[in-house]
Amino acid sequence: MRLSHGILLAAGLSLSSAASAQLLQPKPAAFTRADSLRGNIDSPLRTCYDLNYYHLDVRLDPAKRFLSGSNLFRFTATRDFTRLQFDLFANLTVEKVEYKGKSVPFTREANAVFVTFPQPIKQGNREEFTVYYSGQPTVAERAPWDGGLVYAQDAAGKPWVASACQGVGASIWWPNKDQQADEVDSMLISVTVPKGLKDVSNGRLRKVTTLKDGATRFDWAVRNPINNYDVALNVGDFQYFGDTYQGEKGKLTLDYWVLPENLAKAKKQFAANVKPMLKSMESWFGPYPFYEDGYKLIDAPHLGMEHQSAVAYGNKYLNGYLGHDRSGTGWGDKWDFIIIHESGHEWFGNNITTKDIADMWVHESFTTYSESLFVETMFGKQAGQEYLHGQRRNIQNDKPIIGPYGVNTEGSGDMYDKGANMLNMLRTTINDDAKWRQLLRGLGQTFYHQTVTTAQIINYFNQQTGRDLTPIFDQYLRHASLPVLEMRVEQNQLLARWIADVPGFAMPVRVRTKGGEYQFITPTTRLQPVTLSGATRDNVEVDTFNYYVGVLVE
């Protein structure tokens, strides 16, 4: 989650504004070889090995902003090879790469590192190598919108440090195969910090060791698959309190790590939000995906991030988004935006992860939509729909939501609010809330702990509904402009068609005459008669509350 602080004006719903949005689209970016090295998930030097396990073992010196240590890569060879790629930002030093107790040669280009092994590694072999490294990782200046380590102090002046690296890449602070397509099956995270500080990372605390120099090492074991940008380092003088939640898969541990000055506020804010959130999310999306690793909230010196089983929290113990309602409806003031949104990513982003960040809409559209479902759970369906409708004020219609593939680039920020409104239109079109809930819960079952593509998600909806919803997804995800419903009344006959970028666009839509009941019509891109008794140019209405479309009545 890296929403903008700013509130953007909503796009208009007229034909002229939709056309204007196309004119305002920025020119395509010029990508470099470094972008391809980072973003190409199909490179043979990456696909030749399937990750099984990491052991990240680092020591942090907050005073010097210095990090040193190692990461063990355990993998299975998918083919015979002698050379592979891992990733680490160029400002960090690779001290050596060790394989079977001996150093092996490596070269660097941009932020990619290429390792050559002394003999071929055979397909099917389970092997491992360890990267030793050190340096001063990039300091994030505006986390979580940029990446790196965040350095701050608590009220007593003690160090308070956190990582945040979504988008820019986890290799900004530790060596790994820095793409989302290949997740490790499990992981051990060992972080050594100065005396008097604690590290809180993903998974469960396995061991705390006091070292001879007085420093303390914290070992955190992650039992579930985890994507690399979720791996988190959180260092501070944290205080702990905990709770449990009786969920769909049994007892879920709730662990909270906060600064001493925030303890009283945290107990109140977390109690008011976490269990209602879990009740809503499990109801709509199925069981929390990481019971084995538990659920944590951790005080962070930035706004927040969806780090798996270790959600970073920095909303200042306020309701809304830093005290403001992004929807402008009043419904967003009644709950803590960061707790609900970032926790929603446990289902979309962490459980279901996209292979390429060009498809990040799967993470952000569903998670933003989960906010309205939370409002619906708490305050009723109408409230949830009003909240969702209000979010349109943040939509820009500036460029496609799906970004270019293979170059580590996301699409438009409209993946949040426009994507959420697209999902609500699908719900409205399906017109069966029980079936809609089954579809959402089925996503978590079908793609449990998997990495996916846009095509897989669309195919799932097509198969489960028995409808070809691809043109709807394509219009909203691959084009900036809205589809426009054009309607005419000629010789007392209502004619309608969709003006859209996608050939064959034929989304069912609700229309009515003023004061009447809504009914569905299914226009195509050809102007054709539709049945709506008593319709005139002046009394026909389109359900623009539930449909985010343009309307042109002639």
Protein backbone atom coordinates (compact mmCIF):
# COMPACT_ATOMS: atom_id res chain seq x y z
CA MET A 1 0.00 0.00 0.00
CA ARG A 2 1.47 3.34 -1.08
CA LEU A 3 -1.52 5.64 -1.51
CA SER A 4 -0.91 9.32 -2.09
CA HIS A 5 -1.42 11.78 0.74
CA GLY A 6 -3.23 14.07 -1.69
CA ILE A 7 -6.94 13.85 -2.50
CA LEU A 8 -7.46 14.05 -6.26
CA LEU A 9 -10.54 15.35 -8.04
CA ALA A 10 -12.83 12.69 -9.45
CA ALA A 11 -12.91 12.15 -13.17
CA GLY A 12 -16.05 13.40 -14.85
CA LEU A 13 -18.67 11.06 -16.24
CA SER A 14 -19.19 12.74 -19.60
CA LEU A 15 -17.92 11.71 -23.00
CA SER A 16 -15.78 14.83 -23.23
CA SER A 17 -13.97 14.16 -19.95
CA ALA A 18 -13.32 10.54 -20.86
CA ALA A 19 -11.79 11.71 -24.13
CA SER A 20 -9.78 14.33 -22.27
CA ALA A 21 -8.35 11.65 -20.01
CA GLN A 22 -6.87 9.97 -23.08
CA LEU A 23 -5.24 13.24 -24.15
CA LEU A 24 -3.68 13.66 -20.71
CA GLN A 25 -1.97 10.27 -20.70
CA PRO A 26 1.81 10.59 -20.28
CA LYS A 27 4.15 9.39 -22.99
CA PRO A 28 5.46 5.83 -22.53
CA ALA A 29 8.55 5.66 -20.36
CA ALA A 30 11.91 4.75 -21.84
CA PHE A 31 13.13 1.63 -20.08
CA THR A 32 16.76 0.62 -19.60
CA ARG A 33 18.61 -2.67 -19.42
CA ALA A 34 18.70 -2.22 -15.64
CA ASP A 35 14.88 -2.15 -15.65
CA SER A 36 14.83 -5.41 -17.58
CA LEU A 37 17.41 -7.05 -15.31
CA ARG A 38 15.20 -6.17 -12.36
CA GLY A 39 11.80 -6.78 -13.93
CA ASN A 40 12.18 -9.73 -16.30
CA ILE A 41 10.71 -12.64 -14.37
CA ASP A 42 11.28 -15.03 -17.30
CA SER A 43 15.04 -14.56 -17.55
CA PRO A 44 16.75 -17.99 -17.79
CA LEU A 45 19.20 -16.89 -15.11
CA ARG A 46 16.26 -16.52 -12.72
CA THR A 47 13.96 -19.33 -13.80
CA CYS A 48 16.78 -21.90 -13.62
CA TYR A 49 16.34 -22.12 -9.86
CA ASP A 50 13.21 -22.42 -7.73
CA LEU A 51 13.54 -20.92 -4.27
CA ASN A 52 12.78 -23.15 -1.28
CA TYR A 53 14.18 -21.33 1.74
CA TYR A 54 16.09 -18.24 2.88
CA HIS A 55 18.03 -17.64 6.08
CA LEU A 56 18.60 -13.91 6.31
CA ASP A 57 21.08 -13.20 9.11
CA VAL A 58 21.97 -9.52 9.57
CA ARG A 59 23.32 -7.13 12.18
CA LEU A 60 22.10 -3.52 12.30
CA ASP A 61 24.12 -0.63 13.70
CA PRO A 62 21.53 2.17 13.90
CA ALA A 63 24.09 4.81 14.89
CA LYS A 64 26.14 4.20 11.73
CA ARG A 65 23.09 3.20 9.64
CA PHE A 66 25.13 0.15 8.71
CA LEU A 67 23.91 -3.34 7.92
CA SER A 68 26.04 -6.46 7.55
CA GLY A 69 25.45 -10.18 7.38
CA SER A 70 24.39 -12.91 4.99
CA ASN A 71 21.54 -14.60 3.22
CA LEU A 72 21.46 -18.33 2.51
CA PHE A 73 19.61 -19.33 -0.69
CA ARG A 74 18.29 -22.89 -0.74
CA PHE A 75 16.79 -23.88 -4.07
CA THR A 76 15.86 -26.66 -6.48
CA ALA A 77 17.34 -26.53 -9.98
CA THR A 78 14.65 -26.43 -12.67
CA ARG A 79 17.19 -27.30 -15.41
CA ASP A 80 20.94 -27.85 -15.74
CA PHE A 81 22.85 -24.60 -15.33
CA THR A 82 26.17 -23.09 -14.23
CA ARG A 83 25.13 -19.45 -13.83
CA LEU A 84 22.31 -17.62 -12.05
CA GLN A 85 21.21 -14.13 -11.06
CA PHE A 86 20.29 -12.70 -7.68
CA ASP A 87 19.79 -9.05 -6.83
CA LEU A 88 21.35 -6.49 -4.49
CA PHE A 89 21.51 -2.73 -4.90
CA ALA A 90 24.86 -1.53 -6.18
CA ASN A 91 25.54 0.69 -3.15
CA LEU A 92 25.82 -2.45 -1.00
CA THR A 93 28.97 -4.55 -1.12
CA VAL A 94 28.89 -8.25 -1.93
CA GLU A 95 31.82 -9.52 0.12
CA LYS A 96 31.68 -13.08 -1.13
CA VAL A 97 29.40 -15.80 -2.45
CA GLU A 98 30.02 -19.17 -0.84
CA TYR A 99 29.05 -22.55 -2.32
CA LYS A 100 29.97 -25.83 -0.61
CA GLY A 101 32.37 -24.04 1.70
CA LYS A 102 34.28 -22.23 -1.04
CA SER A 103 34.02 -18.78 -2.60
CA VAL A 104 32.72 -18.75 -6.17
CA PRO A 105 33.13 -15.97 -8.75
CA PHE A 106 30.47 -13.37 -9.39
CA THR A 107 30.01 -10.24 -11.48
CA ARG A 108 27.72 -7.24 -11.08
CA GLU A 109 25.67 -5.15 -13.50
CA ALA A 110 23.43 -2.38 -12.16
CA ASN A 111 21.67 -4.00 -9.19
CA ALA A 112 22.01 -7.56 -10.52
CA VAL A 113 24.63 -10.08 -9.40
CA PHE A 114 25.62 -13.07 -11.56
CA VAL A 115 27.13 -16.14 -9.90
CA THR A 116 29.12 -18.81 -11.79
CA PHE A 117 29.37 -22.27 -10.24
CA PRO A 118 32.44 -24.52 -10.65
CA GLN A 119 30.44 -27.37 -12.16
CA PRO A 120 26.93 -27.70 -13.63
CA ILE A 121 24.08 -27.89 -11.17
CA LYS A 122 21.79 -30.64 -12.40
CA GLN A 123 18.05 -30.35 -12.86
CA GLY A 124 16.22 -31.51 -9.75
CA ASN A 125 19.17 -31.05 -7.42
CA ARG A 126 18.51 -29.25 -4.15
CA GLU A 127 21.45 -26.91 -3.54
CA GLU A 128 22.33 -23.82 -1.54
CA PHE A 129 24.73 -20.89 -1.57
CA THR A 130 25.27 -17.99 0.83
CA VAL A 131 25.79 -14.31 0.02
CA TYR A 132 27.79 -12.23 2.48
CA TYR A 133 27.28 -8.48 2.21
CA SER A 134 27.49 -5.14 4.02
CA GLY A 135 26.94 -1.42 3.62
CA GLN A 136 24.59 1.43 4.28
CA PRO A 137 21.22 0.68 2.68
CA THR A 138 19.34 3.52 1.04
CA VAL A 139 17.57 5.71 3.59
CA ALA A 140 13.91 6.09 2.71
CA GLU A 141 12.88 9.72 2.79
CA ARG A 142 9.15 9.25 2.20
CA ALA A 143 8.41 5.66 3.13
CA PRO A 144 6.36 3.77 2.19
CA TRP A 145 6.23 5.65 -1.15
CA ASP A 146 9.97 5.28 -1.63
CA GLY A 147 12.09 2.39 -0.38
CA GLY A 148 14.86 1.63 2.04
CA LEU A 149 15.34 1.81 5.78
CA VAL A 150 13.56 4.42 7.90
CA TYR A 151 15.47 5.85 10.86
CA ALA A 152 13.71 7.68 13.70
CA GLN A 153 13.71 7.93 17.49
CA ASP A 154 11.11 7.19 20.12
CA ALA A 155 10.09 9.64 22.85
CA ALA A 156 13.06 8.60 24.98
CA GLY A 157 15.53 9.18 22.14
CA LYS A 158 16.14 5.49 21.45
CA PRO A 159 16.57 4.26 17.85
CA TRP A 160 13.45 3.27 15.96
CA VAL A 161 14.13 1.67 12.57
CA ALA A 162 11.99 -0.08 9.96
CA SER A 163 12.24 -1.38 6.41
CA ALA A 164 9.83 -0.52 3.60
CA CYS A 165 10.59 -1.58 0.04
CA GLN A 166 7.49 -2.45 -1.98
CA GLY A 167 7.94 -1.49 -5.63
CA VAL A 168 11.57 -0.44 -5.46
CA GLY A 169 12.50 -3.95 -4.39
CA ALA A 170 13.70 -5.88 -1.35
CA SER A 171 17.21 -5.92 -2.78
CA ILE A 172 17.49 -2.33 -1.65
CA TRP A 173 18.50 -3.78 1.74
CA TRP A 174 19.11 -7.55 1.42
CA PRO A 175 20.23 -9.99 -1.31
CA ASN A 176 17.47 -12.10 -2.85
CA LYS A 177 15.84 -13.08 -6.13
CA ASP A 178 14.06 -9.76 -6.31
CA GLN A 179 10.82 -10.50 -8.10
CA GLN A 180 7.42 -11.70 -6.99
CA ALA A 181 7.03 -14.77 -9.20
CA ASP A 182 9.16 -17.04 -7.00
CA GLU A 183 8.48 -17.14 -3.26
CA VAL A 184 10.39 -19.17 -0.71
CA ASP A 185 8.36 -21.87 1.01
CA SER A 186 9.67 -20.83 4.44
CA MET A 187 12.27 -18.55 5.95
CA LEU A 188 14.37 -17.79 9.01
CA ILE A 189 15.04 -14.12 9.75
CA SER A 190 17.82 -13.41 12.26
CA VAL A 191 18.43 -9.79 13.23
CA THR A 192 21.07 -8.67 15.71
CA VAL A 193 20.57 -5.27 17.36
CA PRO A 194 22.29 -3.26 20.11
CA LYS A 195 21.53 -3.98 23.76
CA GLY A 196 18.22 -2.55 24.89
CA LEU A 197 16.53 -2.83 21.50
CA LYS A 198 14.32 -5.51 19.97
CA ASP A 199 13.71 -6.66 16.43
CA VAL A 200 10.25 -7.75 15.33
CA SER A 201 10.06 -9.51 11.97
CA ASN A 202 7.69 -11.88 10.17
CA GLY A 203 6.48 -15.17 11.56
CA ARG A 204 7.00 -16.37 15.13
CA LEU A 205 9.80 -15.59 17.54
CA ARG A 206 11.84 -18.76 17.83
CA LYS A 207 14.78 -17.63 19.95
CA VAL A 208 16.40 -14.62 21.63
CA THR A 209 20.17 -14.81 22.16
CA THR A 210 22.40 -12.41 24.09
CA LEU A 211 25.77 -12.31 22.34
CA LYS A 212 29.18 -11.86 23.95
CA ASP A 213 29.40 -8.19 22.94
CA GLY A 214 26.04 -7.46 24.63
CA ALA A 215 24.04 -7.29 21.41
CA THR A 216 20.86 -9.34 21.06
CA ARG A 217 19.88 -11.62 18.20
CA PHE A 218 16.22 -12.30 17.44
CA ASP A 219 15.35 -15.35 15.31
CA TRP A 220 11.96 -15.26 13.58
CA ALA A 221 10.68 -18.37 11.76
CA VAL A 222 8.23 -17.98 8.85
CA ARG A 223 6.42 -21.22 8.09
CA ASN A 224 4.37 -20.01 5.12
CA PRO A 225 5.49 -18.86 1.67
CA ILE A 226 6.42 -15.17 1.71
CA ASN A 227 7.16 -12.63 -1.01
CA ASN A 228 10.40 -10.70 -0.72
CA TYR A 229 9.04 -7.17 -0.21
CA ASP A 230 7.06 -8.42 2.79
CA VAL A 231 10.22 -9.46 4.66
CA ALA A 232 10.51 -6.87 7.42
CA LEU A 233 12.96 -5.50 9.90
CA ASN A 234 11.47 -3.48 12.80
CA VAL A 235 13.87 -2.32 15.50
CA GLY A 236 12.99 -0.36 18.63
CA ASP A 237 12.40 -0.43 22.36
CA PHE A 238 9.06 -2.16 21.83
CA GLN A 239 6.62 -3.24 24.49
CA TYR A 240 4.48 -6.28 23.87
CA PHE A 241 0.86 -7.15 24.53
CA GLY A 242 -1.25 -9.83 22.93
CA ASP A 243 -4.68 -11.35 22.44
CA THR A 244 -6.31 -14.21 20.52
CA TYR A 245 -9.11 -14.41 17.99
CA GLN A 246 -11.36 -17.43 17.49
CA GLY A 247 -11.49 -17.53 13.71
CA GLU A 248 -12.56 -19.91 10.97
CA LYS A 249 -9.44 -22.08 11.40
CA GLY A 250 -9.36 -21.95 15.19
CA LYS A 251 -7.37 -19.76 17.57
CA LEU A 252 -5.34 -17.04 15.89
CA THR A 253 -2.68 -15.29 17.96
CA LEU A 254 -2.70 -11.48 17.89
CA ASP A 255 0.67 -9.99 18.84
CA TYR A 256 1.23 -6.26 19.22
CA TRP A 257 4.61 -4.53 19.50
CA VAL A 258 4.47 -0.80 20.22
CA LEU A 259 6.63 1.98 21.62
CA PRO A 260 6.21 2.60 25.35
CA GLU A 261 4.62 6.01 24.81
CA ASN A 262 1.94 4.45 22.58
CA LEU A 263 0.95 1.51 24.77
CA ALA A 264 -2.31 2.91 26.17
CA LYS A 265 -3.44 4.27 22.80
CA ALA A 266 -2.54 1.04 21.04
CA LYS A 267 -4.55 -1.12 23.43
CA LYS A 268 -7.64 0.98 22.74
CA GLN A 269 -7.18 1.37 18.97
CA PHE A 270 -6.22 -2.22 18.24
CA ALA A 271 -9.08 -3.60 20.33
CA ALA A 272 -11.57 -1.45 18.44
CA ASN A 273 -10.37 -2.45 14.98
CA VAL A 274 -8.53 -5.76 14.72
CA LYS A 275 -11.18 -8.32 15.66
CA PRO A 276 -13.96 -6.59 13.66
CA MET A 277 -11.53 -6.49 10.72
CA LEU A 278 -10.78 -10.21 11.00
CA LYS A 279 -14.47 -11.03 11.27
CA SER A 280 -15.24 -9.09 8.10
CA MET A 281 -12.26 -10.31 6.07
CA GLU A 282 -12.78 -13.95 6.97
CA SER A 283 -16.47 -13.65 6.18
CA TRP A 284 -15.84 -12.23 2.70
CA PHE A 285 -12.51 -13.81 1.73
CA GLY A 286 -12.17 -16.96 3.81
CA PRO A 287 -9.83 -17.83 6.68
CA TYR A 288 -6.86 -15.64 7.52
CA PRO A 289 -4.13 -17.17 5.32
CA PHE A 290 -1.32 -17.35 7.89
CA TYR A 291 -2.59 -18.96 11.09
CA GLU A 292 0.73 -20.81 11.45
CA ASP A 293 2.64 -17.51 11.57
CA GLY A 294 0.06 -15.49 13.50
CA TYR A 295 -1.04 -11.87 13.09
CA LYS A 296 1.02 -8.91 14.29
CA LEU A 297 0.77 -5.14 14.35
CA ILE A 298 4.02 -3.23 14.87
CA ASP A 299 4.59 0.47 15.54
CA ALA A 300 6.36 1.90 12.49
CA PRO A 301 8.03 5.27 11.82
CA HIS A 302 6.14 5.48 8.51
CA LEU A 303 2.46 5.28 7.58
CA GLY A 304 2.21 1.51 7.17
CA MET A 305 2.85 -1.55 5.02
CA GLU A 306 1.34 -5.00 4.56
CA HIS A 307 4.35 -7.00 5.74
CA GLN A 308 3.06 -10.56 6.01
CA SER A 309 2.14 -11.58 9.58
CA ALA A 310 3.94 -8.39 10.71
CA VAL A 311 1.81 -5.47 9.55
CA ALA A 312 3.55 -2.11 9.97
CA TYR A 313 1.32 0.51 11.60
CA GLY A 314 1.89 4.27 11.55
CA ASN A 315 -1.55 5.91 11.42
CA LYS A 316 -0.94 7.81 14.69
CA TYR A 317 -3.81 5.95 16.43
CA LEU A 318 -6.38 7.96 14.51
CA ASN A 319 -9.48 6.86 12.67
CA GLY A 320 -9.57 7.42 8.94
CA TYR A 321 -6.43 7.96 6.90
CA LEU A 322 -4.26 10.07 9.24
CA GLY A 323 -7.50 11.44 10.65
CA HIS A 324 -9.22 12.03 7.30
CA ASP A 325 -11.90 10.13 5.40
CA ARG A 326 -10.62 9.39 1.89
CA SER A 327 -14.17 8.82 0.67
CA GLY A 328 -15.56 12.12 1.97
CA THR A 329 -18.73 10.29 3.04
CA GLY A 330 -18.26 10.13 6.81
CA TRP A 331 -18.06 6.35 6.82
CA GLY A 332 -14.27 6.36 6.66
CA ASP A 333 -14.01 8.32 9.91
CA LYS A 334 -15.37 5.44 11.97
CA TRP A 335 -12.37 3.06 11.75
CA ASP A 336 -8.61 3.01 11.38
CA PHE A 337 -7.79 3.00 7.67
CA ILE A 338 -4.28 1.56 8.00
CA ILE A 339 -5.33 -1.38 10.20
CA ILE A 340 -8.13 -2.33 7.81
CA HIS A 341 -6.34 -1.71 4.51
CA GLU A 342 -2.93 -3.13 5.33
CA SER A 343 -4.44 -6.16 7.04
CA GLY A 344 -6.63 -6.71 3.97
CA HIS A 345 -3.41 -7.29 2.05
CA GLU A 346 -2.89 -10.50 4.00
CA TRP A 347 -5.51 -11.94 1.63
CA PHE A 348 -4.57 -9.96 -1.51
CA GLY A 349 -0.88 -9.27 -1.94
CA ASN A 350 0.43 -11.77 0.61
CA ASN A 351 -1.75 -14.86 0.16
CA ILE A 352 -2.37 -14.12 -3.53
CA THR A 353 0.68 -12.39 -5.01
CA THR A 354 1.13 -11.25 -8.59
CA LYS A 355 4.10 -12.57 -10.53
CA ASP A 356 4.83 -9.18 -12.13
CA ILE A 357 4.19 -5.87 -10.39
CA ALA A 358 2.51 -4.68 -13.59
CA ASP A 359 -0.45 -6.69 -12.26
CA MET A 360 -0.45 -5.04 -8.84
CA TRP A 361 -4.13 -4.19 -9.28
CA VAL A 362 -4.83 -7.67 -7.90
CA HIS A 363 -3.25 -6.55 -4.62
CA GLU A 364 -4.65 -3.04 -4.47
CA SER A 365 -8.07 -3.23 -6.14
CA PHE A 366 -9.27 -6.13 -4.00
CA THR A 367 -7.77 -4.68 -0.83
CA THR A 368 -9.31 -1.25 -1.44
CA TYR A 369 -12.58 -3.02 -2.15
CA SER A 370 -12.22 -4.84 1.18
CA GLU A 371 -12.57 -1.46 2.91
CA SER A 372 -16.11 -1.05 1.57
CA LEU A 373 -16.92 -4.64 2.55
CA PHE A 374 -15.69 -3.86 6.06
CA VAL A 375 -18.00 -0.83 6.14
CA GLU A 376 -20.81 -3.07 4.88
CA THR A 377 -20.13 -5.63 7.59
CA MET A 378 -20.17 -2.96 10.29
CA PHE A 379 -22.86 -0.56 9.07
CA GLY A 380 -24.85 -2.26 6.29
CA LYS A 381 -24.69 -2.62 2.53
CA GLN A 382 -25.86 0.90 1.74
CA ALA A 383 -23.08 2.36 3.88
CA GLY A 384 -20.50 0.22 2.12
CA GLN A 385 -21.79 1.29 -1.29
CA GLU A 386 -21.75 4.95 -0.28
CA TYR A 387 -18.15 4.64 0.92
CA LEU A 388 -17.13 3.00 -2.36
CA HIS A 389 -18.94 5.63 -4.43
CA GLY A 390 -17.19 8.37 -2.46
CA GLN A 391 -13.80 6.92 -3.31
CA ARG A 392 -14.31 7.96 -6.93
CA ARG A 393 -13.17 11.44 -6.01
CA ASN A 394 -9.61 10.04 -5.91
CA ILE A 395 -9.67 8.59 -9.44
CA GLN A 396 -7.58 10.26 -12.16
CA ASN A 397 -8.26 8.14 -15.28
CA ASP A 398 -4.70 9.06 -16.27
CA LYS A 399 -3.28 5.82 -17.71
CA PRO A 400 -3.96 2.07 -17.70
CA ILE A 401 -4.09 0.30 -14.36
CA ILE A 402 -1.97 -2.58 -15.70
CA GLY A 403 1.61 -1.45 -16.22
CA PRO A 404 4.19 -2.61 -18.78
CA TYR A 405 5.43 -6.13 -18.15
CA GLY A 406 8.99 -7.22 -17.55
CA VAL A 407 10.46 -3.89 -16.40
CA ASN A 408 9.40 -3.71 -12.72
CA THR A 409 6.84 -0.97 -13.30
CA GLU A 410 3.34 -0.57 -11.91
CA GLY A 411 0.40 0.98 -13.71
CA SER A 412 -1.82 3.86 -12.64
CA GLY A 413 -2.58 4.58 -9.00
CA ASP A 414 -6.20 4.14 -10.09
CA MET A 415 -5.60 0.48 -9.23
CA TYR A 416 -6.90 1.45 -5.78
CA ASP A 417 -10.21 3.27 -6.14
CA LYS A 418 -11.07 2.69 -9.80
CA GLY A 419 -10.19 -0.98 -9.41
CA ALA A 420 -12.40 -1.26 -6.34
CA ASN A 421 -15.30 0.37 -8.20
CA MET A 422 -14.76 -2.04 -11.09
CA LEU A 423 -15.14 -4.98 -8.71
CA ASN A 424 -18.33 -3.50 -7.31
CA MET A 425 -19.69 -3.21 -10.84
CA LEU A 426 -19.04 -6.90 -11.33
CA ARG A 427 -20.96 -7.58 -8.12
CA THR A 428 -23.84 -5.43 -9.36
CA THR A 429 -23.81 -7.14 -12.74
CA ILE A 430 -23.81 -10.63 -11.20
CA ASN A 431 -26.75 -9.47 -9.06
CA ASP A 432 -26.45 -12.27 -6.51
CA ASP A 433 -24.69 -11.33 -3.26
CA ALA A 434 -24.45 -14.90 -2.00
CA LYS A 435 -22.75 -15.95 -5.23
CA TRP A 436 -20.48 -12.90 -5.08
CA ARG A 437 -19.31 -13.87 -1.60
CA GLN A 438 -18.62 -17.41 -2.82
CA LEU A 439 -16.58 -16.00 -5.71
CA LEU A 440 -14.44 -13.91 -3.36
CA ARG A 441 -13.92 -16.75 -0.89
CA GLY A 442 -13.11 -19.09 -3.75
CA LEU A 443 -10.24 -16.85 -4.86
CA GLY A 444 -8.43 -17.51 -1.60
CA GLN A 445 -8.97 -21.25 -1.93
CA THR A 446 -8.10 -21.51 -5.61
CA PHE A 447 -4.92 -19.42 -5.39
CA TYR A 448 -3.93 -20.17 -1.79
CA HIS A 449 -0.30 -19.16 -1.21
CA GLN A 450 0.26 -18.79 -4.97
CA THR A 451 1.66 -16.23 -7.38
CA VAL A 452 -0.71 -15.31 -10.21
CA THR A 453 -1.27 -13.32 -13.38
CA THR A 454 -4.14 -11.09 -14.45
CA ALA A 455 -5.20 -13.77 -16.93
CA GLN A 456 -5.59 -16.33 -14.15
CA ILE A 457 -7.80 -14.03 -12.10
CA ILE A 458 -10.00 -13.15 -15.08
CA ASN A 459 -10.27 -16.79 -16.14
CA TYR A 460 -11.36 -17.68 -12.61
CA PHE A 461 -14.24 -15.19 -12.75
CA ASN A 462 -15.21 -16.31 -16.23
CA GLN A 463 -15.29 -19.97 -15.24
CA GLN A 464 -17.12 -19.45 -11.96
CA THR A 465 -19.79 -17.14 -13.41
CA GLY A 466 -20.19 -18.82 -16.79
CA ARG A 467 -19.84 -15.38 -18.40
CA ASP A 468 -17.15 -13.76 -20.50
CA LEU A 469 -16.19 -10.85 -18.27
CA THR A 470 -12.87 -10.31 -20.07
CA PRO A 471 -14.01 -7.20 -22.00
CA ILE A 472 -15.06 -5.51 -18.74
CA PHE A 473 -11.75 -6.26 -17.04
CA ASP A 474 -9.85 -5.17 -20.15
CA GLN A 475 -11.65 -1.84 -20.46
CA TYR A 476 -11.04 -0.84 -16.85
CA LEU A 477 -7.57 -2.32 -16.46
CA ARG A 478 -5.93 -1.81 -19.86
CA HIS A 479 -7.40 1.55 -20.88
CA ALA A 480 -7.54 4.89 -19.10
CA SER A 481 -10.89 6.15 -20.38
CA LEU A 482 -14.27 5.09 -19.07
CA PRO A 483 -16.79 3.30 -21.24
CA VAL A 484 -19.62 5.65 -22.19
CA LEU A 485 -23.23 4.52 -22.45
CA GLU A 486 -24.82 6.41 -25.33
CA MET A 487 -28.64 6.43 -25.41
CA ARG A 488 -31.03 7.93 -27.93
CA VAL A 489 -34.78 7.99 -28.22
CA GLU A 490 -35.94 7.81 -31.82
CA GLN A 491 -39.60 7.39 -32.77
CA ASN A 492 -40.45 6.47 -29.16
CA GLN A 493 -37.83 3.72 -29.18
CA LEU A 494 -34.84 3.73 -26.82
CA LEU A 495 -31.56 2.91 -28.54
CA ALA A 496 -28.30 2.27 -26.68
CA ARG A 497 -24.70 1.34 -27.27
CA TRP A 498 -21.37 1.34 -25.47
CA ILE A 499 -18.58 3.59 -26.68
CA ALA A 500 -15.49 1.74 -25.46
CA ASP A 501 -11.90 0.94 -26.34
CA VAL A 502 -12.42 -2.81 -26.16
CA PRO A 503 -14.06 -4.54 -29.15
CA GLY A 504 -17.09 -6.52 -28.10
CA PHE A 505 -17.64 -4.56 -24.88
CA ALA A 506 -21.13 -5.51 -23.69
CA MET A 507 -21.48 -4.88 -19.96
CA PRO A 508 -24.98 -5.31 -18.52
CA VAL A 509 -26.09 -2.06 -16.87
CA ARG A 510 -29.06 -0.96 -14.79
CA VAL A 511 -31.37 1.71 -16.23
CA ARG A 512 -34.82 3.02 -15.37
CA THR A 513 -37.29 5.77 -16.03
CA LYS A 514 -37.45 8.39 -13.29
CA GLY A 515 -39.25 7.02 -10.26
CA GLY A 516 -39.32 3.50 -11.66
CA GLU A 517 -37.46 0.31 -10.81
CA TYR A 518 -34.06 -0.40 -12.26
CA GLN A 519 -33.81 -3.15 -14.84
CA PHE A 520 -30.82 -4.62 -16.66
CA ILE A 521 -30.09 -3.98 -20.30
CA THR A 522 -27.07 -5.36 -22.17
CA PRO A 523 -25.96 -2.91 -24.85
CA THR A 524 -23.20 -3.78 -27.28
CA THR A 525 -20.95 -1.44 -29.24
CA ARG A 526 -23.64 -1.26 -31.95
CA LEU A 527 -26.57 1.11 -31.53
CA GLN A 528 -29.55 -1.18 -31.00
CA PRO A 529 -33.06 -0.97 -29.53
CA VAL A 530 -33.49 -1.82 -25.85
CA THR A 531 -36.68 -2.35 -23.94
CA LEU A 532 -37.52 0.24 -21.28
CA SER A 533 -41.20 1.04 -21.12
CA GLY A 534 -42.05 4.74 -21.19
CA ALA A 535 -38.48 5.92 -21.76
CA THR A 536 -37.95 9.42 -23.12
CA ARG A 537 -34.86 11.56 -23.56
CA ASP A 538 -35.76 13.43 -20.37
CA ASN A 539 -36.70 10.61 -18.01
CA VAL A 540 -34.18 7.83 -18.66
CA GLU A 541 -31.67 7.27 -15.86
CA VAL A 542 -28.55 5.11 -15.56
CA ASP A 543 -27.42 3.62 -12.25
CA THR A 544 -24.27 5.70 -11.97
CA PHE A 545 -24.22 5.10 -8.22
CA ASN A 546 -23.18 1.49 -8.75
CA TYR A 547 -21.64 1.88 -12.22
CA TYR A 548 -18.60 4.04 -12.83
CA VAL A 549 -19.31 4.90 -16.47
CA GLY A 550 -19.88 7.87 -18.71
CA VAL A 551 -23.40 8.62 -19.92
CA LEU A 552 -24.43 10.46 -23.09
CA VAL A 553 -28.15 10.95 -23.75
CA GLU A 554 -29.12 12.42 -27.12
